[in-house]
PDB file of N, CA and C in Angstrom:
ATOM      1  N   MET A   1      13.839  19.001  11.769  1.00  0.00           N
ATOM      2  CA  MET A   1      12.698  18.113  11.662  1.00  0.00           C
ATOM      3  C   MET A   1      13.117  16.685  11.996  1.00  0.00           C
ATOM      4  N   LYS A   2      12.220  15.972  12.630  1.00  0.00           N
ATOM      5  CA  LYS A   2      12.449  14.594  13.021  1.00  0.00           C
ATOM      6  C   LYS A   2      11.582  13.683  12.158  1.00  0.00           C
ATOM      7  N   LYS A   3      12.102  12.523  11.761  1.00  0.00           N
ATOM      8  CA  LYS A   3      11.341  11.576  10.966  1.00  0.00           C
ATOM      9  C   LYS A   3      10.894  10.409  11.822  1.00  0.00           C
ATOM     10  N   ILE A   4       9.613  10.022  11.657  1.00  0.00           N
ATOM     11  CA  ILE A   4       9.103   8.822  12.303  1.00  0.00           C
ATOM     12  C   ILE A   4       8.388   7.984  11.246  1.00  0.00           C
ATOM     13  N   THR A   5       8.365   6.682  11.484  1.00  0.00           N
ATOM     14  CA  THR A   5       7.678   5.767  10.577  1.00  0.00           C
ATOM     15  C   THR A   5       6.507   5.150  11.319  1.00  0.00           C
ATOM     16  N   LEU A   6       5.324   5.214  10.711  1.00  0.00           N
ATOM     17  CA  LEU A   6       4.122   4.602  11.257  1.00  0.00           C
ATOM     18  C   LEU A   6       3.794   3.385  10.406  1.00  0.00           C
ATOM     19  N   LYS A   7       3.602   2.235  11.053  1.00  0.00           N
ATOM     20  CA  LYS A   7       3.282   0.999  10.340  1.00  0.00           C
ATOM     21  C   LYS A   7       1.959   0.456  10.858  1.00  0.00           C
ATOM     22  N   ARG A   8       1.121   0.047   9.937  1.00  0.00           N
ATOM     23  CA  ARG A   8      -0.113  -0.634  10.302  1.00  0.00           C
ATOM     24  C   ARG A   8      -0.148  -1.956   9.544  1.00  0.00           C
ATOM     25  N   PRO A   9      -0.040  -3.079  10.259  1.00  0.00           N
ATOM     26  CA  PRO A   9      -0.050  -4.370   9.573  1.00  0.00           C
ATOM     27  C   PRO A   9      -1.435  -4.679   9.000  1.00  0.00           C
ATOM     28  N   LYS A  10      -1.485  -5.688   8.155  1.00  0.00           N
ATOM     29  CA  LYS A  10      -2.756  -6.105   7.568  1.00  0.00           C
ATOM     30  C   LYS A  10      -3.640  -6.683   8.674  1.00  0.00           C
ATOM     31  N   GLU A  11      -4.852  -6.153   8.801  1.00  0.00           N
ATOM     32  CA  GLU A  11      -5.789  -6.581   9.838  1.00  0.00           C
ATOM     33  C   GLU A  11      -7.069  -7.088   9.198  1.00  0.00           C
ATOM     34  N   SER A  12      -7.735  -8.016   9.885  1.00  0.00           N
ATOM     35  CA  SER A  12      -8.995  -8.520   9.355  1.00  0.00           C
ATOM     36  C   SER A  12     -10.199  -7.869  10.035  1.00  0.00           C
ATOM     37  N   PHE A  13     -10.084  -7.518  11.309  1.00  0.00           N
ATOM     38  CA  PHE A  13     -11.226  -6.986  12.044  1.00  0.00           C
ATOM     39  C   PHE A  13     -11.596  -5.570  11.613  1.00  0.00           C
ATOM     40  N   SER A  14     -10.652  -4.693  11.538  1.00  0.00           N
ATOM     41  CA  SER A  14     -10.938  -3.294  11.195  1.00  0.00           C
ATOM     42  C   SER A  14     -10.318  -2.919   9.853  1.00  0.00           C
ATOM     43  N   LYS A  15     -10.387  -3.831   8.900  1.00  0.00           N
ATOM     44  CA  LYS A  15      -9.701  -3.626   7.625  1.00  0.00           C
ATOM     45  C   LYS A  15     -10.271  -2.474   6.801  1.00  0.00           C
ATOM     46  N   ASN A  16     -11.533  -2.132   6.999  1.00  0.00           N
ATOM     47  CA  ASN A  16     -12.138  -1.047   6.235  1.00  0.00           C
ATOM     48  C   ASN A  16     -12.103   0.296   6.956  1.00  0.00           C
ATOM     49  N   SER A  17     -11.571   0.306   8.147  1.00  0.00           N
ATOM     50  CA  SER A  17     -11.517   1.537   8.944  1.00  0.00           C
ATOM     51  C   SER A  17     -10.156   2.208   8.795  1.00  0.00           C
ATOM     52  N   VAL A  18     -10.158   3.514   8.965  1.00  0.00           N
ATOM     53  CA  VAL A  18      -8.936   4.309   8.834  1.00  0.00           C
ATOM     54  C   VAL A  18      -8.596   4.897  10.203  1.00  0.00           C
ATOM     55  N   TYR A  19      -7.354   4.719  10.620  1.00  0.00           N
ATOM     56  CA  TYR A  19      -6.886   5.334  11.863  1.00  0.00           C
ATOM     57  C   TYR A  19      -6.578   6.803  11.615  1.00  0.00           C
ATOM     58  N   LYS A  20      -7.012   7.657  12.503  1.00  0.00           N
ATOM     59  CA  LYS A  20      -6.612   9.059  12.465  1.00  0.00           C
ATOM     60  C   LYS A  20      -5.454   9.201  13.436  1.00  0.00           C
ATOM     61  N   ILE A  21      -4.379   9.787  12.988  1.00  0.00           N
ATOM     62  CA  ILE A  21      -3.191   9.966  13.806  1.00  0.00           C
ATOM     63  C   ILE A  21      -3.197  11.395  14.338  1.00  0.00           C
ATOM     64  N   LEU A  22      -3.172  11.514  15.655  1.00  0.00           N
ATOM     65  CA  LEU A  22      -3.165  12.820  16.312  1.00  0.00           C
ATOM     66  C   LEU A  22      -1.771  13.112  16.838  1.00  0.00           C
ATOM     67  N   LEU A  23      -1.296  14.287  16.554  1.00  0.00           N
ATOM     68  CA  LEU A  23       0.016  14.731  17.028  1.00  0.00           C
ATOM     69  C   LEU A  23      -0.216  15.917  17.942  1.00  0.00           C
ATOM     70  N   ASP A  24       0.076  15.754  19.227  1.00  0.00           N
ATOM     71  CA  ASP A  24      -0.189  16.778  20.235  1.00  0.00           C
ATOM     72  C   ASP A  24      -1.649  17.241  20.182  1.00  0.00           C
ATOM     73  N   SER A  25      -2.579  16.273  20.121  1.00  0.00           N
ATOM     74  CA  SER A  25      -4.039  16.482  20.138  1.00  0.00           C
ATOM     75  C   SER A  25      -4.596  17.143  18.882  1.00  0.00           C
ATOM     76  N   LYS A  26      -3.828  17.242  17.812  1.00  0.00           N
ATOM     77  CA  LYS A  26      -4.313  17.796  16.546  1.00  0.00           C
ATOM     78  C   LYS A  26      -4.187  16.723  15.469  1.00  0.00           C
ATOM     79  N   GLU A  27      -5.231  16.603  14.637  1.00  0.00           N
ATOM     80  CA  GLU A  27      -5.195  15.598  13.581  1.00  0.00           C
ATOM     81  C   GLU A  27      -4.045  15.882  12.623  1.00  0.00           C
ATOM     82  N   PHE A  28      -3.228  14.854  12.379  1.00  0.00           N
ATOM     83  CA  PHE A  28      -2.017  15.021  11.577  1.00  0.00           C
ATOM     84  C   PHE A  28      -2.108  14.291  10.245  1.00  0.00           C
ATOM     85  N   THR A  29      -2.527  13.014  10.278  1.00  0.00           N
ATOM     86  CA  THR A  29      -2.631  12.208   9.067  1.00  0.00           C
ATOM     87  C   THR A  29      -3.570  11.037   9.317  1.00  0.00           C
ATOM     88  N   GLU A  30      -3.759  10.204   8.297  1.00  0.00           N
ATOM     89  CA  GLU A  30      -4.562   9.000   8.407  1.00  0.00           C
ATOM     90  C   GLU A  30      -3.725   7.802   7.981  1.00  0.00           C
ATOM     91  N   LEU A  31      -4.082   6.631   8.522  1.00  0.00           N
ATOM     92  CA  LEU A  31      -3.337   5.412   8.219  1.00  0.00           C
ATOM     93  C   LEU A  31      -4.323   4.310   7.867  1.00  0.00           C
ATOM     94  N   LYS A  32      -4.226   3.785   6.639  1.00  0.00           N
ATOM     95  CA  LYS A  32      -5.127   2.737   6.161  1.00  0.00           C
ATOM     96  C   LYS A  32      -4.551   1.364   6.464  1.00  0.00           C
ATOM     97  N   ASN A  33      -5.358   0.344   6.221  1.00  0.00           N
ATOM     98  CA  ASN A  33      -4.956  -1.033   6.457  1.00  0.00           C
ATOM     99  C   ASN A  33      -3.742  -1.394   5.607  1.00  0.00           C
ATOM    100  N   ASN A  34      -2.766  -2.031   6.217  1.00  0.00           N
ATOM    101  CA  ASN A  34      -1.534  -2.491   5.555  1.00  0.00           C
ATOM    102  C   ASN A  34      -0.758  -1.335   4.910  1.00  0.00           C
ATOM    103  N   GLU A  35      -0.658  -0.233   5.617  1.00  0.00           N
ATOM    104  CA  GLU A  35       0.026   0.946   5.092  1.00  0.00           C
ATOM    105  C   GLU A  35       1.199   1.332   5.997  1.00  0.00           C
ATOM    106  N   GLU A  36       2.198   1.924   5.396  1.00  0.00           N
ATOM    107  CA  GLU A  36       3.359   2.425   6.131  1.00  0.00           C
ATOM    108  C   GLU A  36       3.665   3.829   5.624  1.00  0.00           C
ATOM    109  N   LYS A  37       3.869   4.748   6.570  1.00  0.00           N
ATOM    110  CA  LYS A  37       4.183   6.130   6.209  1.00  0.00           C
ATOM    111  C   LYS A  37       5.395   6.604   6.984  1.00  0.00           C
ATOM    112  N   THR A  38       6.268   7.330   6.311  1.00  0.00           N
ATOM    113  CA  THR A  38       7.372   8.007   6.971  1.00  0.00           C
ATOM    114  C   THR A  38       7.054   9.496   6.941  1.00  0.00           C
ATOM    115  N   LEU A  39       6.995  10.111   8.116  1.00  0.00           N
ATOM    116  CA  LEU A  39       6.558  11.494   8.243  1.00  0.00           C
ATOM    117  C   LEU A  39       7.626  12.349   8.903  1.00  0.00           C
ATOM    118  N   GLU A  40       7.655  13.602   8.529  1.00  0.00           N
ATOM    119  CA  GLU A  40       8.522  14.558   9.201  1.00  0.00           C
ATOM    120  C   GLU A  40       7.674  15.330  10.202  1.00  0.00           C
ATOM    121  N   ILE A  41       8.135  15.359  11.430  1.00  0.00           N
ATOM    122  CA  ILE A  41       7.415  16.080  12.476  1.00  0.00           C
ATOM    123  C   ILE A  41       8.349  17.078  13.136  1.00  0.00           C
ATOM    124  N   SER A  42       7.769  18.018  13.802  1.00  0.00           N
ATOM    125  CA  SER A  42       8.540  19.046  14.481  1.00  0.00           C
ATOM    126  C   SER A  42       9.291  18.454  15.671  1.00  0.00           C
ATOM    127  N   GLU A  43      10.429  19.007  15.974  1.00  0.00           N
ATOM    128  CA  GLU A  43      11.204  18.581  17.148  1.00  0.00           C
ATOM    129  C   GLU A  43      10.451  18.867  18.443  1.00  0.00           C
ATOM    130  N   ASN A  44       9.534  19.821  18.406  1.00  0.00           N
ATOM    131  CA  ASN A  44       8.781  20.202  19.596  1.00  0.00           C
ATOM    132  C   ASN A  44       7.608  19.271  19.893  1.00  0.00           C
ATOM    133  N   SER A  45       7.260  18.388  18.956  1.00  0.00           N
ATOM    134  CA  SER A  45       6.141  17.462  19.155  1.00  0.00           C
ATOM    135  C   SER A  45       6.464  16.507  20.291  1.00  0.00           C
ATOM    136  N   LYS A  46       5.490  16.321  21.183  1.00  0.00           N
ATOM    137  CA  LYS A  46       5.743  15.511  22.372  1.00  0.00           C
ATOM    138  C   LYS A  46       4.949  14.209  22.407  1.00  0.00           C
ATOM    139  N   PHE A  47       3.710  14.200  21.856  1.00  0.00           N
ATOM    140  CA  PHE A  47       2.845  13.034  21.996  1.00  0.00           C
ATOM    141  C   PHE A  47       2.193  12.665  20.670  1.00  0.00           C
ATOM    142  N   ILE A  48       1.894  11.363  20.534  1.00  0.00           N
ATOM    143  CA  ILE A  48       1.178  10.869  19.370  1.00  0.00           C
ATOM    144  C   ILE A  48       0.093   9.915  19.867  1.00  0.00           C
ATOM    145  N   LYS A  49      -1.009   9.862  19.138  1.00  0.00           N
ATOM    146  CA  LYS A  49      -2.146   9.029  19.526  1.00  0.00           C
ATOM    147  C   LYS A  49      -2.855   8.564  18.263  1.00  0.00           C
ATOM    148  N   ALA A  50      -3.393   7.348  18.271  1.00  0.00           N
ATOM    149  CA  ALA A  50      -4.165   6.817  17.144  1.00  0.00           C
ATOM    150  C   ALA A  50      -5.626   6.736  17.555  1.00  0.00           C
ATOM    151  N   LYS A  51      -6.507   7.124  16.639  1.00  0.00           N
ATOM    152  CA  LYS A  51      -7.940   7.129  16.929  1.00  0.00           C
ATOM    153  C   LYS A  51      -8.661   6.333  15.851  1.00  0.00           C
ATOM    154  N   LEU A  52      -9.562   5.445  16.283  1.00  0.00           N
ATOM    155  CA  LEU A  52     -10.334   4.602  15.376  1.00  0.00           C
ATOM    156  C   LEU A  52     -11.787   4.614  15.829  1.00  0.00           C
ATOM    157  N   LEU A  53     -12.657   5.129  14.979  1.00  0.00           N
ATOM    158  CA  LEU A  53     -14.086   5.233  15.281  1.00  0.00           C
ATOM    159  C   LEU A  53     -14.294   5.939  16.615  1.00  0.00           C
ATOM    160  N   TRP A  54     -14.831   5.255  17.614  1.00  0.00           N
ATOM    161  CA  TRP A  54     -15.110   5.891  18.900  1.00  0.00           C
ATOM    162  C   TRP A  54     -14.039   5.608  19.947  1.00  0.00           C
ATOM    163  N   THR A  55     -13.020   4.862  19.598  1.00  0.00           N
ATOM    164  CA  THR A  55     -11.970   4.522  20.558  1.00  0.00           C
ATOM    165  C   THR A  55     -10.642   5.147  20.147  1.00  0.00           C
ATOM    166  N   SER A  56      -9.709   5.134  21.084  1.00  0.00           N
ATOM    167  CA  SER A  56      -8.374   5.645  20.761  1.00  0.00           C
ATOM    168  C   SER A  56      -7.332   4.904  21.586  1.00  0.00           C
ATOM    169  N   SER A  57      -6.108   5.042  21.174  1.00  0.00           N
ATOM    170  CA  SER A  57      -5.000   4.428  21.897  1.00  0.00           C
ATOM    171  C   SER A  57      -4.622   5.298  23.090  1.00  0.00           C
ATOM    172  N   LYS A  58      -3.717   4.792  23.878  1.00  0.00           N
ATOM    173  CA  LYS A  58      -3.133   5.616  24.928  1.00  0.00           C
ATOM    174  C   LYS A  58      -2.239   6.657  24.259  1.00  0.00           C
ATOM    175  N   THR A  59      -2.008   7.736  24.943  1.00  0.00           N
ATOM    176  CA  THR A  59      -1.106   8.762  24.431  1.00  0.00           C
ATOM    177  C   THR A  59       0.326   8.244  24.575  1.00  0.00           C
ATOM    178  N   ILE A  60       1.063   8.285  23.480  1.00  0.00           N
ATOM    179  CA  ILE A  60       2.434   7.773  23.462  1.00  0.00           C
ATOM    180  C   ILE A  60       3.399   8.948  23.395  1.00  0.00           C
ATOM    181  N   ALA A  61       4.335   8.970  24.313  1.00  0.00           N
ATOM    182  CA  ALA A  61       5.355  10.026  24.312  1.00  0.00           C
ATOM    183  C   ALA A  61       6.364   9.740  23.206  1.00  0.00           C
ATOM    184  N   LEU A  62       6.670  10.755  22.422  1.00  0.00           N
ATOM    185  CA  LEU A  62       7.669  10.610  21.359  1.00  0.00           C
ATOM    186  C   LEU A  62       9.054  10.715  21.970  1.00  0.00           C
ATOM    187  N   LYS A  63       9.833   9.673  21.784  1.00  0.00           N
ATOM    188  CA  LYS A  63      11.191   9.653  22.318  1.00  0.00           C
ATOM    189  C   LYS A  63      12.168   9.940  21.196  1.00  0.00           C
ATOM    190  N   LYS A  64      13.297  10.474  21.547  1.00  0.00           N
ATOM    191  CA  LYS A  64      14.293  10.842  20.536  1.00  0.00           C
ATOM    192  C   LYS A  64      14.843   9.640  19.789  1.00  0.00           C
ATOM    193  N   ASN A  65      14.959   8.498  20.449  1.00  0.00           N
ATOM    194  CA  ASN A  65      15.594   7.357  19.808  1.00  0.00           C
ATOM    195  C   ASN A  65      14.605   6.383  19.177  1.00  0.00           C
ATOM    196  N   LYS A  66      13.304   6.576  19.365  1.00  0.00           N
ATOM    197  CA  LYS A  66      12.320   5.664  18.783  1.00  0.00           C
ATOM    198  C   LYS A  66      11.777   6.263  17.498  1.00  0.00           C
ATOM    199  N   ASN A  67      12.048   5.603  16.368  1.00  0.00           N
ATOM    200  CA  ASN A  67      11.660   6.145  15.076  1.00  0.00           C
ATOM    201  C   ASN A  67      10.523   5.386  14.411  1.00  0.00           C
ATOM    202  N   THR A  68      10.180   4.194  14.904  1.00  0.00           N
ATOM    203  CA  THR A  68       9.128   3.388  14.295  1.00  0.00           C
ATOM    204  C   THR A  68       8.047   3.090  15.325  1.00  0.00           C
ATOM    205  N   ILE A  69       6.786   3.307  14.920  1.00  0.00           N
ATOM    206  CA  ILE A  69       5.643   3.027  15.781  1.00  0.00           C
ATOM    207  C   ILE A  69       4.704   2.113  15.011  1.00  0.00           C
ATOM    208  N   ILE A  70       4.332   0.978  15.604  1.00  0.00           N
ATOM    209  CA  ILE A  70       3.412   0.036  14.978  1.00  0.00           C
ATOM    210  C   ILE A  70       2.036   0.249  15.579  1.00  0.00           C
ATOM    211  N   ILE A  71       1.055   0.468  14.706  1.00  0.00           N
ATOM    212  CA  ILE A  71      -0.309   0.734  15.144  1.00  0.00           C
ATOM    213  C   ILE A  71      -1.179  -0.433  14.698  1.00  0.00           C
ATOM    214  N   THR A  72      -1.827  -1.091  15.659  1.00  0.00           N
ATOM    215  CA  THR A  72      -2.646  -2.250  15.345  1.00  0.00           C
ATOM    216  C   THR A  72      -3.884  -2.294  16.227  1.00  0.00           C
ATOM    217  N   CYS A  73      -4.880  -3.000  15.760  1.00  0.00           N
ATOM    218  CA  CYS A  73      -6.128  -3.168  16.505  1.00  0.00           C
ATOM    219  C   CYS A  73      -5.923  -4.248  17.574  1.00  0.00           C
ATOM    220  N   ASN A  74      -6.948  -4.515  18.334  1.00  0.00           N
ATOM    221  CA  ASN A  74      -6.930  -5.545  19.355  1.00  0.00           C
ATOM    222  C   ASN A  74      -6.572  -6.897  18.726  1.00  0.00           C
ATOM    223  N   LYS A  75      -5.542  -7.553  19.222  1.00  0.00           N
ATOM    224  CA  LYS A  75      -5.066  -8.804  18.645  1.00  0.00           C
ATOM    225  C   LYS A  75      -6.108  -9.909  18.752  1.00  0.00           C
ATOM    226  N   PHE A  76      -6.871  -9.947  19.840  1.00  0.00           N
ATOM    227  CA  PHE A  76      -7.908 -10.964  20.010  1.00  0.00           C
ATOM    228  C   PHE A  76      -8.973 -10.826  18.924  1.00  0.00           C
ATOM    229  N   LEU A  77      -9.411  -9.594  18.660  1.00  0.00           N
ATOM    230  CA  LEU A  77     -10.437  -9.375  17.647  1.00  0.00           C
ATOM    231  C   LEU A  77      -9.943  -9.748  16.257  1.00  0.00           C
ATOM    232  N   ASN A  78      -8.679  -9.489  15.957  1.00  0.00           N
ATOM    233  CA  ASN A  78      -8.130  -9.857  14.653  1.00  0.00           C
ATOM    234  C   ASN A  78      -8.081 -11.369  14.465  1.00  0.00           C
ATOM    235  N   LYS A  79      -7.827 -12.124  15.529  1.00  0.00           N
ATOM    236  CA  LYS A  79      -7.789 -13.568  15.423  1.00  0.00           C
ATOM    237  C   LYS A  79      -9.184 -14.160  15.315  1.00  0.00           C
ATOM    238  N   MET A  80     -10.169 -13.549  15.977  1.00  0.00           N
ATOM    239  CA  MET A  80     -11.520 -14.093  16.004  1.00  0.00           C
ATOM    240  C   MET A  80     -12.393 -13.621  14.840  1.00  0.00           C
ATOM    241  N   ALA A  81     -12.001 -12.590  14.126  1.00  0.00           N
ATOM    242  CA  ALA A  81     -12.825 -12.032  13.041  1.00  0.00           C
ATOM    243  C   ALA A  81     -13.178 -13.062  11.960  1.00  0.00           C
ATOM    244  N   PRO A  82     -12.249 -13.933  11.526  1.00  0.00           N
ATOM    245  CA  PRO A  82     -12.634 -14.922  10.500  1.00  0.00           C
ATOM    246  C   PRO A  82     -13.713 -15.884  10.972  1.00  0.00           C
ATOM    247  N   PHE A  83     -13.798 -16.128  12.276  1.00  0.00           N
ATOM    248  CA  PHE A  83     -14.770 -17.070  12.808  1.00  0.00           C
ATOM    249  C   PHE A  83     -16.118 -16.427  13.139  1.00  0.00           C
ATOM    250  N   SER A  84     -16.185 -15.119  13.173  1.00  0.00           N
ATOM    251  CA  SER A  84     -17.413 -14.438  13.577  1.00  0.00           C
ATOM    252  C   SER A  84     -18.522 -14.630  12.536  1.00  0.00           C
ATOM    253  N   GLY A  85     -18.184 -14.856  11.292  1.00  0.00           N
ATOM    254  CA  GLY A  85     -19.203 -15.100  10.265  1.00  0.00           C
ATOM    255  C   GLY A  85     -19.933 -16.414  10.466  1.00  0.00           C
ATOM    256  N   VAL A  86     -19.268 -17.359  11.075  1.00  0.00           N
ATOM    257  CA  VAL A  86     -19.859 -18.673  11.340  1.00  0.00           C
ATOM    258  C   VAL A  86     -20.916 -18.558  12.437  1.00  0.00           C
ATOM    259  N   LEU A  87     -20.692 -17.679  13.382  1.00  0.00           N
ATOM    260  CA  LEU A  87     -21.647 -17.534  14.489  1.00  0.00           C
ATOM    261  C   LEU A  87     -22.910 -16.901  13.993  1.00  0.00           C
TER     262      LEU A  87
END
């Protein structure tokens, strides 16, 4: 078994939404705002993807030497979210 760490920093734009983590196109786990998980996955697993509401990330190939993956929303939206209430 291989271990990977998924990190989701604190976000303001999608703070109430939960990312669904797909491993080889099958739902594997969920990741909440400001959460970090260390998971054991099969050596045969090839791809990982994050899904949020109606959008998803690009498919990321799992490499043998990469053990940490940071999952975050659009950086522009996170910076502009505090100002959107003023508009």
